[in-house]
Amino acid sequence: MKNKVLQRQLNTEVIDLLNRTKSLFLSSLNQDGSPHASYAPFAIKDDVLLILISGLAAHTQNLLRTPKLSGLVTEDETQCDDIFARLRVSYDFEVSIVAAQSDEWYAGIQQLQARLGSRVEQISQLGDFVLFKLTPIKGRFVKGFGRAYDILGGTLAGEEVVHVSPSRLSNGTQL
């Protein structure tokens, strides 16, 4: 994107959406390769998302087996102007486990607790909960019809944000 002012505005809008939303939808892969949809509350720390999820949950088992994830954060449908054009950001993530009881784990739990409340302290003490770090690989920010932007550079807001047009579709399909 050539316009640096627009770039900064879009970066700010992405971070604002992440800051005012507390959960994301997850798409992980089951053992047979089929998709599994779920959700998890999250916190933001050092340009990654953190989720604390039960080892008993299917999505945790999926992430332990295949550390790749697609995630979606979207505005509340009761707050949007057009249900067909909800503000949203999606990412492809690389997933890693934060070692329990490590300095990084304590910092992550503290960040989750500051954002989500005291329940985090309770569940972090349960033996089956796993702290995952979701590092963005790429993303897409959609503001409405004709206003979709690829988020490039491996950060939540993007080192570069590029307008999506029919000529840029990744699969070569023309609309």
N, C-alpha and C. Protein backbone atom coordinates (compact mmCIF):
# COMPACT_ATOMS: atom_id res chain seq x y z
N MET A 1 0.85 -1.17 0.00
CA MET A 1 0.00 0.00 0.00
C MET A 1 0.89 1.23 0.00
N LYS A 2 0.61 2.14 -0.87
CA LYS A 2 1.46 3.31 -1.04
C LYS A 2 1.14 4.41 -0.04
N ASN A 3 -0.09 4.51 0.37
CA ASN A 3 -0.51 5.60 1.24
C ASN A 3 -0.22 5.24 2.70
N LYS A 4 0.81 5.86 3.27
CA LYS A 4 1.24 5.55 4.65
C LYS A 4 0.18 5.96 5.67
N VAL A 5 -0.57 7.03 5.39
CA VAL A 5 -1.63 7.47 6.31
C VAL A 5 -2.71 6.40 6.38
N LEU A 6 -3.12 5.89 5.22
CA LEU A 6 -4.13 4.82 5.19
C LEU A 6 -3.59 3.56 5.86
N GLN A 7 -2.34 3.25 5.63
CA GLN A 7 -1.70 2.09 6.26
C GLN A 7 -1.80 2.20 7.79
N ARG A 8 -1.42 3.34 8.34
CA ARG A 8 -1.48 3.53 9.80
C ARG A 8 -2.92 3.47 10.31
N GLN A 9 -3.85 4.03 9.55
CA GLN A 9 -5.26 4.01 9.95
C GLN A 9 -5.77 2.57 10.01
N LEU A 10 -5.44 1.77 9.00
CA LEU A 10 -5.87 0.37 8.99
C LEU A 10 -5.22 -0.41 10.12
N ASN A 11 -3.92 -0.18 10.37
CA ASN A 11 -3.23 -0.83 11.49
C ASN A 11 -3.96 -0.53 12.79
N THR A 12 -4.31 0.74 13.00
CA THR A 12 -5.01 1.17 14.21
C THR A 12 -6.38 0.51 14.32
N GLU A 13 -7.10 0.41 13.22
CA GLU A 13 -8.43 -0.20 13.23
C GLU A 13 -8.36 -1.69 13.57
N VAL A 14 -7.35 -2.39 13.06
CA VAL A 14 -7.18 -3.81 13.38
C VAL A 14 -6.93 -3.98 14.88
N ILE A 15 -5.99 -3.22 15.41
CA ILE A 15 -5.66 -3.32 16.85
C ILE A 15 -6.86 -2.92 17.70
N ASP A 16 -7.61 -1.91 17.28
CA ASP A 16 -8.80 -1.50 18.02
C ASP A 16 -9.82 -2.63 18.08
N LEU A 17 -10.05 -3.32 16.96
CA LEU A 17 -10.98 -4.45 16.96
C LEU A 17 -10.50 -5.55 17.90
N LEU A 18 -9.21 -5.86 17.86
CA LEU A 18 -8.65 -6.88 18.76
C LEU A 18 -8.79 -6.46 20.22
N ASN A 19 -8.57 -5.19 20.50
CA ASN A 19 -8.64 -4.71 21.89
C ASN A 19 -10.05 -4.72 22.46
N ARG A 20 -11.05 -4.55 21.62
CA ARG A 20 -12.42 -4.50 22.16
C ARG A 20 -13.17 -5.82 22.03
N THR A 21 -12.48 -6.84 21.56
CA THR A 21 -13.07 -8.17 21.44
C THR A 21 -12.28 -9.11 22.34
N LYS A 22 -12.96 -9.97 23.06
CA LYS A 22 -12.27 -10.82 24.03
C LYS A 22 -12.15 -12.28 23.62
N SER A 23 -12.78 -12.66 22.51
CA SER A 23 -12.66 -14.06 22.09
C SER A 23 -12.50 -14.14 20.58
N LEU A 24 -11.94 -15.25 20.16
CA LEU A 24 -11.79 -15.48 18.73
C LEU A 24 -12.32 -16.86 18.39
N PHE A 25 -12.80 -16.98 17.17
CA PHE A 25 -13.23 -18.27 16.64
C PHE A 25 -11.99 -18.98 16.14
N LEU A 26 -11.93 -20.29 16.38
CA LEU A 26 -10.78 -21.10 16.00
C LEU A 26 -11.20 -22.15 14.98
N SER A 27 -10.31 -22.39 14.04
CA SER A 27 -10.49 -23.51 13.12
C SER A 27 -9.20 -24.32 13.15
N SER A 28 -9.29 -25.49 13.79
CA SER A 28 -8.15 -26.40 13.88
C SER A 28 -8.46 -27.63 13.04
N LEU A 29 -7.49 -28.52 12.94
CA LEU A 29 -7.67 -29.73 12.14
C LEU A 29 -7.79 -30.96 13.02
N ASN A 30 -8.87 -31.72 12.82
CA ASN A 30 -9.03 -32.99 13.50
C ASN A 30 -7.99 -33.99 13.00
N GLN A 31 -7.90 -35.11 13.69
CA GLN A 31 -6.92 -36.14 13.33
C GLN A 31 -7.09 -36.63 11.88
N ASP A 32 -8.32 -36.64 11.39
CA ASP A 32 -8.57 -37.09 10.01
C ASP A 32 -8.41 -35.96 8.99
N GLY A 33 -8.00 -34.77 9.45
CA GLY A 33 -7.78 -33.65 8.56
C GLY A 33 -9.00 -32.77 8.32
N SER A 34 -10.13 -33.14 8.92
CA SER A 34 -11.33 -32.33 8.76
C SER A 34 -11.27 -31.13 9.71
N PRO A 35 -11.93 -30.02 9.34
CA PRO A 35 -11.88 -28.83 10.18
C PRO A 35 -12.74 -28.97 11.43
N HIS A 36 -12.31 -28.31 12.49
CA HIS A 36 -13.05 -28.28 13.75
C HIS A 36 -13.17 -26.82 14.17
N ALA A 37 -14.41 -26.36 14.36
CA ALA A 37 -14.66 -24.97 14.76
C ALA A 37 -14.89 -24.89 16.26
N SER A 38 -14.33 -23.86 16.88
CA SER A 38 -14.51 -23.62 18.31
C SER A 38 -14.18 -22.16 18.58
N TYR A 39 -14.02 -21.81 19.83
CA TYR A 39 -13.65 -20.45 20.18
C TYR A 39 -12.81 -20.48 21.45
N ALA A 40 -12.13 -19.37 21.72
CA ALA A 40 -11.38 -19.23 22.96
C ALA A 40 -11.22 -17.75 23.29
N PRO A 41 -11.30 -17.40 24.56
CA PRO A 41 -10.94 -16.04 24.97
C PRO A 41 -9.43 -15.85 24.74
N PHE A 42 -9.01 -14.61 24.51
CA PHE A 42 -7.60 -14.37 24.22
C PHE A 42 -7.11 -13.08 24.87
N ALA A 43 -5.80 -12.99 24.95
CA ALA A 43 -5.12 -11.76 25.34
C ALA A 43 -4.06 -11.47 24.29
N ILE A 44 -3.62 -10.23 24.25
CA ILE A 44 -2.59 -9.79 23.30
C ILE A 44 -1.33 -9.49 24.10
N LYS A 45 -0.20 -10.05 23.66
CA LYS A 45 1.08 -9.76 24.30
C LYS A 45 2.18 -9.87 23.26
N ASP A 46 2.97 -8.80 23.13
CA ASP A 46 4.12 -8.81 22.23
C ASP A 46 3.76 -9.27 20.82
N ASP A 47 2.66 -8.73 20.29
CA ASP A 47 2.23 -8.97 18.91
C ASP A 47 1.84 -10.42 18.62
N VAL A 48 1.43 -11.16 19.65
CA VAL A 48 0.86 -12.49 19.49
C VAL A 48 -0.41 -12.56 20.32
N LEU A 49 -1.22 -13.55 20.05
CA LEU A 49 -2.40 -13.81 20.88
C LEU A 49 -2.09 -14.99 21.79
N LEU A 50 -2.62 -14.93 23.00
CA LEU A 50 -2.46 -16.01 23.97
C LEU A 50 -3.83 -16.59 24.28
N ILE A 51 -3.92 -17.92 24.30
CA ILE A 51 -5.15 -18.59 24.70
C ILE A 51 -4.81 -19.66 25.74
N LEU A 52 -5.67 -19.81 26.70
CA LEU A 52 -5.53 -20.81 27.76
C LEU A 52 -6.72 -21.75 27.63
N ILE A 53 -6.46 -22.99 27.19
CA ILE A 53 -7.56 -23.90 26.88
C ILE A 53 -7.32 -25.29 27.49
N SER A 54 -8.41 -25.96 27.76
CA SER A 54 -8.36 -27.27 28.42
C SER A 54 -7.81 -28.34 27.50
N GLY A 55 -6.94 -29.17 28.05
CA GLY A 55 -6.41 -30.31 27.32
C GLY A 55 -7.48 -31.33 26.97
N LEU A 56 -8.63 -31.24 27.61
CA LEU A 56 -9.73 -32.16 27.32
C LEU A 56 -10.51 -31.74 26.09
N ALA A 57 -10.34 -30.49 25.65
CA ALA A 57 -11.08 -29.97 24.50
C ALA A 57 -10.49 -30.49 23.19
N ALA A 58 -11.36 -30.71 22.22
CA ALA A 58 -10.92 -31.22 20.92
C ALA A 58 -9.92 -30.27 20.26
N HIS A 59 -10.16 -28.95 20.39
CA HIS A 59 -9.25 -28.01 19.72
C HIS A 59 -7.84 -28.07 20.32
N THR A 60 -7.73 -28.36 21.61
CA THR A 60 -6.40 -28.48 22.22
C THR A 60 -5.68 -29.70 21.68
N GLN A 61 -6.36 -30.82 21.61
CA GLN A 61 -5.76 -32.02 21.05
C GLN A 61 -5.35 -31.80 19.59
N ASN A 62 -6.18 -31.08 18.86
CA ASN A 62 -5.86 -30.77 17.46
C ASN A 62 -4.58 -29.93 17.37
N LEU A 63 -4.46 -28.92 18.23
CA LEU A 63 -3.29 -28.04 18.19
C LEU A 63 -2.02 -28.75 18.65
N LEU A 64 -2.15 -29.67 19.57
CA LEU A 64 -0.98 -30.44 20.01
C LEU A 64 -0.47 -31.33 18.88
N ARG A 65 -1.38 -31.83 18.07
CA ARG A 65 -1.03 -32.72 16.96
C ARG A 65 -0.57 -31.92 15.73
N THR A 66 -1.30 -30.84 15.42
CA THR A 66 -1.01 -30.02 14.23
C THR A 66 -0.98 -28.56 14.67
N PRO A 67 0.20 -27.99 14.87
CA PRO A 67 0.31 -26.63 15.44
C PRO A 67 0.06 -25.51 14.44
N LYS A 68 -1.06 -25.63 13.72
CA LYS A 68 -1.49 -24.59 12.79
C LYS A 68 -2.95 -24.29 13.09
N LEU A 69 -3.32 -23.04 12.87
CA LEU A 69 -4.66 -22.62 13.26
C LEU A 69 -5.08 -21.45 12.40
N SER A 70 -6.35 -21.40 12.08
CA SER A 70 -6.94 -20.21 11.50
C SER A 70 -7.86 -19.63 12.56
N GLY A 71 -7.80 -18.31 12.73
CA GLY A 71 -8.62 -17.66 13.74
C GLY A 71 -9.35 -16.47 13.18
N LEU A 72 -10.50 -16.16 13.76
CA LEU A 72 -11.34 -15.06 13.31
C LEU A 72 -11.81 -14.25 14.51
N VAL A 73 -11.62 -12.94 14.43
CA VAL A 73 -12.17 -12.01 15.41
C VAL A 73 -13.14 -11.12 14.65
N THR A 74 -14.35 -10.98 15.16
CA THR A 74 -15.36 -10.21 14.45
C THR A 74 -16.15 -9.33 15.41
N GLU A 75 -16.64 -8.23 14.89
CA GLU A 75 -17.46 -7.36 15.73
C GLU A 75 -18.75 -8.07 16.08
N ASP A 76 -19.33 -7.70 17.19
CA ASP A 76 -20.58 -8.28 17.65
C ASP A 76 -21.67 -8.00 16.61
N GLU A 77 -22.42 -9.03 16.26
CA GLU A 77 -23.44 -8.83 15.24
C GLU A 77 -24.52 -7.86 15.66
N THR A 78 -24.74 -7.69 16.96
CA THR A 78 -25.73 -6.73 17.41
C THR A 78 -25.22 -5.29 17.30
N GLN A 79 -23.93 -5.12 17.06
CA GLN A 79 -23.33 -3.79 16.95
C GLN A 79 -23.04 -3.38 15.50
N CYS A 80 -23.20 -4.31 14.56
CA CYS A 80 -22.80 -4.00 13.17
C CYS A 80 -23.93 -3.31 12.42
N ASP A 81 -23.55 -2.56 11.39
CA ASP A 81 -24.53 -1.87 10.55
C ASP A 81 -25.16 -2.81 9.52
N ASP A 82 -24.38 -3.80 9.06
CA ASP A 82 -24.83 -4.70 8.00
C ASP A 82 -24.33 -6.10 8.33
N ILE A 83 -25.22 -7.03 8.58
CA ILE A 83 -24.85 -8.38 8.97
C ILE A 83 -24.01 -9.07 7.89
N PHE A 84 -24.14 -8.66 6.64
CA PHE A 84 -23.36 -9.24 5.55
C PHE A 84 -21.95 -8.65 5.45
N ALA A 85 -21.69 -7.61 6.21
CA ALA A 85 -20.40 -6.91 6.08
C ALA A 85 -19.83 -6.56 7.45
N ARG A 86 -19.87 -7.54 8.37
CA ARG A 86 -19.33 -7.30 9.71
C ARG A 86 -17.83 -7.02 9.64
N LEU A 87 -17.39 -6.09 10.46
CA LEU A 87 -15.96 -5.81 10.61
C LEU A 87 -15.31 -7.05 11.19
N ARG A 88 -14.18 -7.50 10.56
CA ARG A 88 -13.54 -8.72 11.03
C ARG A 88 -12.08 -8.79 10.59
N VAL A 89 -11.34 -9.57 11.34
CA VAL A 89 -9.95 -9.85 10.97
C VAL A 89 -9.72 -11.34 11.19
N SER A 90 -9.11 -11.96 10.20
CA SER A 90 -8.78 -13.38 10.30
C SER A 90 -7.28 -13.55 10.10
N TYR A 91 -6.76 -14.61 10.69
CA TYR A 91 -5.33 -14.88 10.63
C TYR A 91 -5.08 -16.36 10.40
N ASP A 92 -3.96 -16.65 9.79
CA ASP A 92 -3.35 -17.97 9.85
C ASP A 92 -2.26 -17.85 10.91
N PHE A 93 -2.27 -18.76 11.86
CA PHE A 93 -1.33 -18.70 12.99
C PHE A 93 -0.39 -19.89 13.00
N GLU A 94 0.81 -19.64 13.44
CA GLU A 94 1.71 -20.70 13.88
C GLU A 94 1.46 -20.82 15.38
N VAL A 95 1.35 -22.03 15.87
CA VAL A 95 0.96 -22.26 17.26
C VAL A 95 2.12 -22.88 18.02
N SER A 96 2.38 -22.35 19.23
CA SER A 96 3.39 -22.97 20.09
C SER A 96 2.88 -23.00 21.52
N ILE A 97 3.35 -23.99 22.26
CA ILE A 97 2.99 -24.15 23.67
C ILE A 97 3.94 -23.31 24.50
N VAL A 98 3.40 -22.61 25.48
CA VAL A 98 4.22 -21.90 26.45
C VAL A 98 4.45 -22.85 27.62
N ALA A 99 5.70 -23.13 27.92
CA ALA A 99 6.03 -24.09 28.98
C ALA A 99 5.43 -23.66 30.31
N ALA A 100 4.69 -24.57 30.93
CA ALA A 100 4.04 -24.29 32.21
C ALA A 100 5.08 -23.90 33.25
N GLN A 101 4.71 -22.93 34.05
CA GLN A 101 5.51 -22.44 35.17
C GLN A 101 6.79 -21.70 34.74
N SER A 102 6.96 -21.44 33.45
CA SER A 102 8.11 -20.66 32.98
C SER A 102 7.81 -19.18 33.19
N ASP A 103 8.83 -18.35 33.06
CA ASP A 103 8.63 -16.90 33.17
C ASP A 103 7.63 -16.42 32.13
N GLU A 104 7.73 -16.95 30.90
CA GLU A 104 6.81 -16.58 29.83
C GLU A 104 5.38 -17.01 30.17
N TRP A 105 5.24 -18.17 30.80
CA TRP A 105 3.92 -18.66 31.20
C TRP A 105 3.29 -17.73 32.24
N TYR A 106 4.06 -17.36 33.26
CA TYR A 106 3.54 -16.46 34.30
C TYR A 106 3.15 -15.10 33.70
N ALA A 107 3.97 -14.58 32.78
CA ALA A 107 3.65 -13.31 32.14
C ALA A 107 2.38 -13.43 31.29
N GLY A 108 2.23 -14.56 30.60
CA GLY A 108 1.04 -14.79 29.79
C GLY A 108 -0.22 -14.91 30.63
N ILE A 109 -0.12 -15.66 31.73
CA ILE A 109 -1.27 -15.81 32.64
C ILE A 109 -1.65 -14.45 33.21
N GLN A 110 -0.66 -13.66 33.57
CA GLN A 110 -0.92 -12.31 34.11
C GLN A 110 -1.63 -11.45 33.06
N GLN A 111 -1.19 -11.53 31.81
CA GLN A 111 -1.81 -10.76 30.73
C GLN A 111 -3.26 -11.21 30.50
N LEU A 112 -3.49 -12.51 30.50
CA LEU A 112 -4.85 -13.03 30.35
C LEU A 112 -5.73 -12.60 31.51
N GLN A 113 -5.20 -12.66 32.73
CA GLN A 113 -5.98 -12.27 33.90
C GLN A 113 -6.33 -10.79 33.87
N ALA A 114 -5.39 -9.95 33.46
CA ALA A 114 -5.66 -8.51 33.38
C ALA A 114 -6.77 -8.21 32.38
N ARG A 115 -6.83 -8.98 31.32
CA ARG A 115 -7.82 -8.75 30.27
C ARG A 115 -9.16 -9.43 30.55
N LEU A 116 -9.11 -10.65 31.16
CA LEU A 116 -10.31 -11.48 31.25
C LEU A 116 -10.83 -11.70 32.66
N GLY A 117 -10.04 -11.32 33.68
CA GLY A 117 -10.53 -11.43 35.04
C GLY A 117 -9.97 -12.60 35.83
N SER A 118 -10.46 -12.73 37.05
CA SER A 118 -9.91 -13.67 38.02
C SER A 118 -10.13 -15.14 37.67
N ARG A 119 -11.07 -15.42 36.79
CA ARG A 119 -11.32 -16.81 36.38
C ARG A 119 -10.04 -17.45 35.81
N VAL A 120 -9.21 -16.62 35.17
CA VAL A 120 -7.97 -17.11 34.57
C VAL A 120 -7.08 -17.73 35.64
N GLU A 121 -6.96 -17.08 36.78
CA GLU A 121 -6.13 -17.62 37.86
C GLU A 121 -6.64 -18.99 38.29
N GLN A 122 -7.95 -19.14 38.39
CA GLN A 122 -8.53 -20.42 38.79
C GLN A 122 -8.22 -21.52 37.79
N ILE A 123 -8.48 -21.26 36.52
CA ILE A 123 -8.30 -22.34 35.54
C ILE A 123 -6.83 -22.59 35.22
N SER A 124 -5.98 -21.60 35.41
CA SER A 124 -4.55 -21.81 35.14
C SER A 124 -3.94 -22.79 36.15
N GLN A 125 -4.60 -22.97 37.28
CA GLN A 125 -4.10 -23.89 38.30
C GLN A 125 -4.58 -25.33 38.07
N LEU A 126 -5.49 -25.50 37.13
CA LEU A 126 -5.96 -26.84 36.81
C LEU A 126 -4.91 -27.51 35.93
N GLY A 127 -4.64 -28.75 36.17
CA GLY A 127 -3.54 -29.44 35.50
C GLY A 127 -3.71 -29.68 34.02
N ASP A 128 -4.94 -29.59 33.51
CA ASP A 128 -5.15 -29.92 32.10
C ASP A 128 -5.12 -28.70 31.17
N PHE A 129 -5.02 -27.49 31.71
CA PHE A 129 -5.04 -26.30 30.86
C PHE A 129 -3.67 -26.01 30.28
N VAL A 130 -3.67 -25.64 28.99
CA VAL A 130 -2.45 -25.39 28.25
C VAL A 130 -2.48 -23.96 27.74
N LEU A 131 -1.35 -23.27 27.89
CA LEU A 131 -1.22 -21.91 27.37
C LEU A 131 -0.56 -21.98 26.00
N PHE A 132 -1.25 -21.46 25.01
CA PHE A 132 -0.73 -21.44 23.64
C PHE A 132 -0.44 -20.01 23.22
N LYS A 133 0.61 -19.88 22.43
CA LYS A 133 0.97 -18.61 21.81
C LYS A 133 0.64 -18.74 20.32
N LEU A 134 -0.17 -17.79 19.82
CA LEU A 134 -0.58 -17.79 18.42
C LEU A 134 0.15 -16.66 17.71
N THR A 135 1.09 -17.03 16.86
CA THR A 135 1.89 -16.04 16.13
C THR A 135 1.33 -15.89 14.73
N PRO A 136 0.93 -14.66 14.35
CA PRO A 136 0.33 -14.49 13.03
C PRO A 136 1.34 -14.71 11.90
N ILE A 137 0.90 -15.43 10.88
CA ILE A 137 1.69 -15.61 9.66
C ILE A 137 1.22 -14.60 8.62
N LYS A 138 -0.10 -14.55 8.45
CA LYS A 138 -0.73 -13.58 7.55
C LYS A 138 -2.18 -13.43 8.00
N GLY A 139 -2.83 -12.41 7.48
CA GLY A 139 -4.21 -12.18 7.86
C GLY A 139 -4.98 -11.44 6.80
N ARG A 140 -6.24 -11.21 7.12
CA ARG A 140 -7.10 -10.41 6.25
C ARG A 140 -8.04 -9.59 7.13
N PHE A 141 -8.09 -8.30 6.86
CA PHE A 141 -8.95 -7.36 7.56
C PHE A 141 -10.05 -6.95 6.60
N VAL A 142 -11.31 -7.15 7.01
CA VAL A 142 -12.45 -6.81 6.16
C VAL A 142 -13.29 -5.76 6.88
N LYS A 143 -13.46 -4.63 6.19
CA LYS A 143 -14.23 -3.51 6.72
C LYS A 143 -15.61 -3.43 6.09
N GLY A 144 -15.85 -4.22 5.06
CA GLY A 144 -17.13 -4.19 4.36
C GLY A 144 -16.92 -4.53 2.90
N PHE A 145 -17.95 -4.36 2.11
CA PHE A 145 -17.90 -4.71 0.69
C PHE A 145 -16.85 -3.86 -0.02
N GLY A 146 -15.95 -4.53 -0.73
CA GLY A 146 -14.91 -3.84 -1.48
C GLY A 146 -13.82 -3.24 -0.62
N ARG A 147 -13.83 -3.55 0.67
CA ARG A 147 -12.84 -2.98 1.59
C ARG A 147 -12.18 -4.10 2.40
N ALA A 148 -11.51 -4.99 1.67
CA ALA A 148 -10.76 -6.09 2.29
C ALA A 148 -9.28 -5.86 2.05
N TYR A 149 -8.47 -6.18 3.07
CA TYR A 149 -7.04 -5.91 3.02
C TYR A 149 -6.27 -7.12 3.54
N ASP A 150 -5.27 -7.55 2.78
CA ASP A 150 -4.38 -8.59 3.26
C ASP A 150 -3.40 -7.97 4.24
N ILE A 151 -3.17 -8.67 5.36
CA ILE A 151 -2.24 -8.24 6.40
C ILE A 151 -0.98 -9.08 6.23
N LEU A 152 0.10 -8.44 5.87
CA LEU A 152 1.35 -9.14 5.57
C LEU A 152 2.43 -8.76 6.57
N GLY A 153 3.39 -9.64 6.76
CA GLY A 153 4.53 -9.29 7.59
C GLY A 153 4.61 -9.99 8.93
N GLY A 154 3.66 -10.85 9.24
CA GLY A 154 3.75 -11.64 10.46
C GLY A 154 3.51 -10.87 11.74
N THR A 155 2.72 -9.79 11.69
CA THR A 155 2.34 -9.08 12.91
C THR A 155 0.81 -8.97 12.93
N LEU A 156 0.26 -8.65 14.08
CA LEU A 156 -1.20 -8.56 14.19
C LEU A 156 -1.77 -7.45 13.32
N ALA A 157 -1.11 -6.29 13.27
CA ALA A 157 -1.61 -5.17 12.48
C ALA A 157 -1.05 -5.17 11.06
N GLY A 158 0.04 -5.88 10.85
CA GLY A 158 0.64 -5.97 9.52
C GLY A 158 1.76 -4.99 9.30
N GLU A 159 2.84 -5.48 8.76
CA GLU A 159 3.94 -4.61 8.32
C GLU A 159 3.52 -3.91 7.04
N GLU A 160 2.66 -4.60 6.29
CA GLU A 160 2.11 -4.04 5.07
C GLU A 160 0.67 -4.50 4.99
N VAL A 161 -0.22 -3.60 4.56
CA VAL A 161 -1.63 -3.93 4.38
C VAL A 161 -1.96 -3.61 2.92
N VAL A 162 -2.43 -4.62 2.19
CA VAL A 162 -2.64 -4.49 0.75
C VAL A 162 -4.11 -4.71 0.42
N HIS A 163 -4.70 -3.77 -0.31
CA HIS A 163 -6.09 -3.88 -0.71
C HIS A 163 -6.28 -5.12 -1.58
N VAL A 164 -7.34 -5.88 -1.30
CA VAL A 164 -7.66 -7.08 -2.06
C VAL A 164 -8.58 -6.66 -3.22
N SER A 165 -8.17 -7.03 -4.42
CA SER A 165 -8.98 -6.75 -5.60
C SER A 165 -9.10 -8.05 -6.40
N PRO A 166 -10.05 -8.12 -7.34
CA PRO A 166 -10.20 -9.35 -8.13
C PRO A 166 -8.91 -9.78 -8.80
N SER A 167 -8.08 -8.85 -9.21
CA SER A 167 -6.83 -9.21 -9.88
C SER A 167 -5.79 -9.78 -8.92
N ARG A 168 -6.01 -9.63 -7.60
CA ARG A 168 -5.06 -10.12 -6.60
C ARG A 168 -5.51 -11.41 -5.94
N LEU A 169 -6.63 -11.99 -6.32
CA LEU A 169 -7.10 -13.21 -5.68
C LEU A 169 -6.04 -14.29 -5.78
N SER A 170 -5.75 -14.94 -4.66
CA SER A 170 -4.65 -15.90 -4.59
C SER A 170 -4.87 -17.14 -5.44
N ASN A 171 -6.11 -17.52 -5.70
CA ASN A 171 -6.35 -18.74 -6.46
C ASN A 171 -6.51 -18.48 -7.96
N GLY A 172 -6.34 -17.22 -8.37
CA GLY A 172 -6.43 -16.88 -9.78
C GLY A 172 -7.84 -16.71 -10.31
N THR A 173 -8.84 -16.89 -9.47
CA THR A 173 -10.22 -16.77 -9.88
C THR A 173 -10.55 -15.31 -10.20
N GLN A 174 -11.21 -15.10 -11.30
CA GLN A 174 -11.69 -13.77 -11.64
C GLN A 174 -13.16 -13.69 -11.28
N LEU A 175 -13.56 -12.58 -10.70
CA LEU A 175 -14.96 -12.39 -10.34
C LEU A 175 -15.70 -11.68 -11.44
